[in-house]
Amino acid sequence: MGASSRTDLYFDARTTLDLAASYTFANGVGVYFNVKNLTDAPWRIYEGRRDRVIQQEYYDFTYEAGMKFTF
């Protein structure tokens, strides 16, 4: 917290969209695919007012794919 509300730090609202899909075959082998942060929403911190951004980070998309085995 700052000396006044004008110098307090705030995390800006952030909405992300993730997607996950998977499929399991009859033989117990499965595949999956995940994508995180499809909206490429920035992570932002501001001081006092939203127009006084002091930190902003972009993380782009994260992809993950793989296989699952059931024994």
C-alpha atoms as a PDB file:
ATOM      1  CA  MET A   1       0.000   0.000   0.000  1.00  0.00           C
ATOM      2  CA  GLY A   2       1.207   3.436  -0.878  1.00  0.00           C
ATOM      3  CA  ALA A   3       1.070   6.618   1.151  1.00  0.00           C
ATOM      4  CA  SER A   4      -2.311   7.379  -0.475  1.00  0.00           C
ATOM      5  CA  SER A   5      -4.780   5.664  -2.814  1.00  0.00           C
ATOM      6  CA  ARG A   6      -3.037   7.407  -5.741  1.00  0.00           C
ATOM      7  CA  THR A   7       0.121   5.400  -5.083  1.00  0.00           C
ATOM      8  CA  ASP A   8      -1.498   2.043  -4.258  1.00  0.00           C
ATOM      9  CA  LEU A   9      -0.706  -0.793  -6.669  1.00  0.00           C
ATOM     10  CA  TYR A  10      -3.532  -2.730  -8.324  1.00  0.00           C
ATOM     11  CA  PHE A  11      -3.698  -5.826 -10.492  1.00  0.00           C
ATOM     12  CA  ASP A  12      -5.821  -5.129 -13.565  1.00  0.00           C
ATOM     13  CA  ALA A  13      -8.677  -7.483 -14.426  1.00  0.00           C
ATOM     14  CA  ARG A  14      -7.528 -10.380 -16.602  1.00  0.00           C
ATOM     15  CA  THR A  15      -9.659 -12.890 -18.484  1.00  0.00           C
ATOM     16  CA  THR A  16      -8.076 -15.824 -20.246  1.00  0.00           C
ATOM     17  CA  LEU A  17      -9.499 -18.592 -22.374  1.00  0.00           C
ATOM     18  CA  ASP A  18      -8.114 -22.129 -22.301  1.00  0.00           C
ATOM     19  CA  LEU A  19      -9.041 -25.137 -24.426  1.00  0.00           C
ATOM     20  CA  ALA A  20      -8.595 -28.800 -23.552  1.00  0.00           C
ATOM     21  CA  ALA A  21      -9.512 -31.822 -25.658  1.00  0.00           C
ATOM     22  CA  SER A  22      -8.832 -35.522 -25.223  1.00  0.00           C
ATOM     23  CA  TYR A  23      -9.874 -38.814 -26.723  1.00  0.00           C
ATOM     24  CA  THR A  24      -9.374 -42.371 -25.470  1.00  0.00           C
ATOM     25  CA  PHE A  25      -9.408 -45.233 -27.951  1.00  0.00           C
ATOM     26  CA  ALA A  26     -10.916 -48.660 -27.153  1.00  0.00           C
ATOM     27  CA  ASN A  27      -7.449 -50.162 -26.555  1.00  0.00           C
ATOM     28  CA  GLY A  28      -6.756 -47.771 -23.640  1.00  0.00           C
ATOM     29  CA  VAL A  29      -4.505 -45.392 -25.578  1.00  0.00           C
ATOM     30  CA  GLY A  30      -5.514 -41.759 -25.383  1.00  0.00           C
ATOM     31  CA  VAL A  31      -4.379 -38.486 -26.883  1.00  0.00           C
ATOM     32  CA  TYR A  32      -4.799 -34.982 -25.509  1.00  0.00           C
ATOM     33  CA  PHE A  33      -4.236 -31.405 -26.601  1.00  0.00           C
ATOM     34  CA  ASN A  34      -4.343 -28.267 -24.424  1.00  0.00           C
ATOM     35  CA  VAL A  35      -3.986 -24.589 -25.307  1.00  0.00           C
ATOM     36  CA  LYS A  36      -3.744 -21.933 -22.606  1.00  0.00           C
ATOM     37  CA  ASN A  37      -4.274 -18.161 -22.839  1.00  0.00           C
ATOM     38  CA  LEU A  38      -5.968 -18.082 -26.244  1.00  0.00           C
ATOM     39  CA  THR A  39      -6.894 -14.433 -25.671  1.00  0.00           C
ATOM     40  CA  ASP A  40      -3.227 -13.472 -25.088  1.00  0.00           C
ATOM     41  CA  ALA A  41      -4.450 -11.372 -22.166  1.00  0.00           C
ATOM     42  CA  PRO A  42      -1.720  -9.229 -20.595  1.00  0.00           C
ATOM     43  CA  TRP A  43      -0.876  -9.368 -16.897  1.00  0.00           C
ATOM     44  CA  ARG A  44      -0.874  -5.733 -15.809  1.00  0.00           C
ATOM     45  CA  ILE A  45      -0.170  -3.778 -12.617  1.00  0.00           C
ATOM     46  CA  TYR A  46      -1.070  -0.119 -12.323  1.00  0.00           C
ATOM     47  CA  GLU A  47      -0.542   2.607  -9.747  1.00  0.00           C
ATOM     48  CA  GLY A  48      -3.628   4.436  -8.524  1.00  0.00           C
ATOM     49  CA  ARG A  49      -5.398   4.638 -11.927  1.00  0.00           C
ATOM     50  CA  ARG A  50      -5.619   2.268 -14.885  1.00  0.00           C
ATOM     51  CA  ASP A  51      -3.814   4.706 -17.170  1.00  0.00           C
ATOM     52  CA  ARG A  52      -0.710   4.575 -14.926  1.00  0.00           C
ATOM     53  CA  VAL A  53       0.585   1.125 -15.866  1.00  0.00           C
ATOM     54  CA  ILE A  54       3.865   0.256 -14.155  1.00  0.00           C
ATOM     55  CA  GLN A  55       4.222  -3.345 -15.326  1.00  0.00           C
ATOM     56  CA  GLN A  56       2.732  -5.255 -18.242  1.00  0.00           C
ATOM     57  CA  GLU A  57       3.620  -8.777 -19.355  1.00  0.00           C
ATOM     58  CA  TYR A  58       2.436 -10.895 -22.277  1.00  0.00           C
ATOM     59  CA  TYR A  59       2.757 -14.670 -22.181  1.00  0.00           C
ATOM     60  CA  ASP A  60       1.383 -15.673 -25.613  1.00  0.00           C
ATOM     61  CA  PHE A  61      -0.188 -19.102 -26.115  1.00  0.00           C
ATOM     62  CA  THR A  62       0.993 -22.281 -24.413  1.00  0.00           C
ATOM     63  CA  TYR A  63       0.451 -25.562 -26.268  1.00  0.00           C
ATOM     64  CA  GLU A  64       0.629 -29.046 -24.794  1.00  0.00           C
ATOM     65  CA  ALA A  65      -0.036 -32.378 -26.491  1.00  0.00           C
ATOM     66  CA  GLY A  66       0.603 -35.960 -25.540  1.00  0.00           C
ATOM     67  CA  MET A  67      -0.508 -39.518 -25.193  1.00  0.00           C
ATOM     68  CA  LYS A  68      -1.944 -41.463 -22.251  1.00  0.00           C
ATOM     69  CA  PHE A  69      -1.765 -45.202 -21.736  1.00  0.00           C
ATOM     70  CA  THR A  70      -4.011 -47.327 -19.513  1.00  0.00           C
ATOM     71  CA  PHE A  71      -2.577 -50.686 -18.468  1.00  0.00           C
END
